[in-house]
Protein backbone atom coordinates (compact mmCIF):
# COMPACT_ATOMS: atom_id res chain seq x y z
CA MET A 1 45.68 -19.34 5.37
CA ARG A 2 47.59 -17.26 2.60
CA ALA A 3 47.90 -18.72 -1.25
CA ALA A 4 50.72 -19.60 -2.78
CA ALA A 5 52.21 -18.17 -5.14
CA ASP A 6 52.65 -20.91 -7.73
CA ASP A 7 48.75 -21.19 -7.19
CA PHE A 8 48.81 -17.85 -9.52
CA LEU A 9 50.61 -19.32 -12.26
CA PRO A 10 51.10 -18.99 -14.92
CA LEU A 11 50.89 -15.06 -15.22
CA THR A 12 48.89 -13.70 -18.43
CA PRO A 13 51.50 -11.35 -20.12
CA GLY A 14 50.27 -8.07 -18.81
CA PHE A 15 49.20 -9.26 -15.39
CA PHE A 16 53.14 -10.28 -15.42
CA GLU A 17 54.24 -6.74 -16.78
CA ILE A 18 52.00 -4.53 -13.89
CA LEU A 19 53.29 -6.91 -11.34
CA LEU A 20 57.12 -6.19 -12.84
CA SER A 21 55.91 -2.63 -13.29
CA LEU A 22 55.20 -2.21 -9.69
CA SER A 23 57.97 -4.13 -8.21
CA ALA A 24 59.93 -1.14 -9.11
CA GLY A 25 57.58 0.90 -6.86
CA GLU A 26 54.51 2.76 -6.44
CA ALA A 27 52.77 3.94 -9.25
CA HIS A 28 49.77 5.02 -11.24
CA GLY A 29 48.30 3.63 -14.55
CA TYR A 30 49.54 5.46 -17.11
CA ALA A 31 52.71 5.09 -16.19
CA ILE A 32 52.67 1.87 -16.01
CA MET A 33 51.60 1.43 -19.29
CA GLN A 34 54.07 4.10 -20.37
CA GLN A 35 56.52 1.81 -18.69
CA VAL A 36 54.90 -1.87 -19.74
CA GLU A 37 55.57 -0.52 -24.03
CA ARG A 38 58.81 0.98 -23.74
CA ARG A 39 60.58 -1.88 -21.45
CA THR A 40 58.45 -4.24 -23.93
CA GLU A 41 60.35 -2.24 -27.01
CA GLY A 42 56.26 -2.13 -27.65
CA ARG A 43 55.82 -6.09 -28.07
CA VAL A 44 53.38 -5.76 -25.55
CA ARG A 45 50.61 -2.53 -25.19
CA LEU A 46 48.44 -1.98 -22.49
CA LEU A 47 45.76 -0.82 -23.52
CA PRO A 48 43.15 1.76 -20.44
CA GLY A 49 40.14 -0.78 -20.43
CA THR A 50 41.89 -4.03 -20.15
CA MET A 51 44.68 -2.36 -18.02
CA TYR A 52 41.99 -1.21 -15.69
CA ARG A 53 40.36 -4.20 -15.28
CA ALA A 54 43.12 -6.00 -14.78
CA PHE A 55 43.79 -3.44 -12.01
CA ASN A 56 40.55 -5.09 -10.64
CA ARG A 57 41.59 -8.67 -11.16
CA LEU A 58 45.01 -8.24 -9.30
CA GLN A 59 43.44 -6.85 -6.05
CA GLU A 60 40.43 -8.75 -6.00
CA GLN A 61 43.03 -11.88 -5.75
CA LEU A 62 45.44 -9.44 -3.30
CA LEU A 63 48.06 -8.97 -5.29
CA ILE A 64 48.27 -5.05 -6.04
CA GLU A 65 46.54 -2.90 -3.90
CA GLU A 66 46.02 1.00 -3.64
CA ALA A 67 48.47 2.81 -2.48
CA GLY A 68 47.73 5.63 0.07
CA ASP A 69 50.19 8.25 0.17
CA ARG A 70 50.04 10.25 -3.30
CA PRO A 71 52.36 12.85 -4.60
CA VAL A 72 52.38 17.43 -3.76
CA ALA A 73 49.28 17.67 -4.77
CA ALA A 74 50.47 20.76 -7.76
CA LEU A 75 52.41 17.53 -9.09
CA ASP A 76 49.67 15.30 -9.28
CA ASP A 77 46.15 14.75 -11.47
CA GLN A 78 43.17 13.94 -8.53
CA ARG A 79 41.80 11.40 -10.61
CA ARG A 80 44.89 9.36 -10.72
CA ARG A 81 45.19 5.65 -8.48
CA TYR A 82 47.81 4.53 -7.28
CA TYR A 83 49.28 0.99 -6.83
CA ARG A 84 51.52 -0.88 -5.17
CA LEU A 85 52.62 -5.07 -5.02
CA THR A 86 51.30 -6.80 -2.21
CA ASP A 87 54.00 -9.05 -0.16
CA LEU A 88 51.93 -11.92 -2.29
CA GLY A 89 52.28 -9.99 -5.12
CA ARG A 90 55.41 -9.70 -5.69
CA ASP A 91 55.95 -13.03 -4.55
CA VAL A 92 54.16 -14.36 -7.48
CA ALA A 93 56.37 -11.79 -9.44
CA ALA A 94 59.49 -13.50 -8.66
CA ALA A 95 58.04 -17.02 -9.17
CA GLU A 96 56.65 -16.32 -12.65
CA ALA A 97 59.70 -14.66 -13.56
CA ARG A 98 61.24 -18.30 -12.10
CA ARG A 99 59.16 -20.02 -14.36
CA LEU A 100 59.59 -18.46 -17.65
CA SER A 101 63.51 -17.96 -16.54
CA ALA A 102 63.29 -21.96 -16.42
CA SER A 103 61.30 -22.12 -19.80
CA VAL A 104 64.36 -19.95 -21.62
CA ARG A 105 67.23 -22.51 -20.39
CA PHE A 106 65.56 -25.56 -21.74
CA ALA A 107 64.91 -23.32 -25.04
CA ALA A 108 68.68 -22.88 -25.21
CA GLU A 109 69.77 -26.54 -24.26
CA GLN A 110 67.48 -27.13 -27.61
CA ASN A 111 69.47 -24.78 -29.44
CA LEU A 112 65.86 -23.24 -30.25
CA ILE A 113 68.09 -19.36 -29.28
CA GLY A 114 71.54 -18.68 -29.11
CA GLU A 115 72.93 -17.02 -25.60
CA SER A 116 72.75 -14.07 -27.04
CA ASP A 117 68.88 -14.34 -27.13
CA VAL A 118 69.42 -14.97 -23.04
């Protein structure tokens, strides 16, 4: 029986950022680190040790998997591992995005943030 996406919530910021990065397609660890730092304007930084422990945990939870396909060998470093979201991983990322969106809407209703912050 497949786990429900909500059973994984809330996600840590690092887990969520990894899943968000992989929602755009397969990527290797260093590319994910760069995407997260760029997307969050440096507010979230994934350090290599933390990130690879997160990859192991996300794989154990069946949220991501190692991708079988690799880029052309001349364009790739064979030491890199590429990852992709599983269907469950995509569902969990979407559930977390909805959860966070509801919190942001509530914060706006309470005048904690303005329309320009949403």
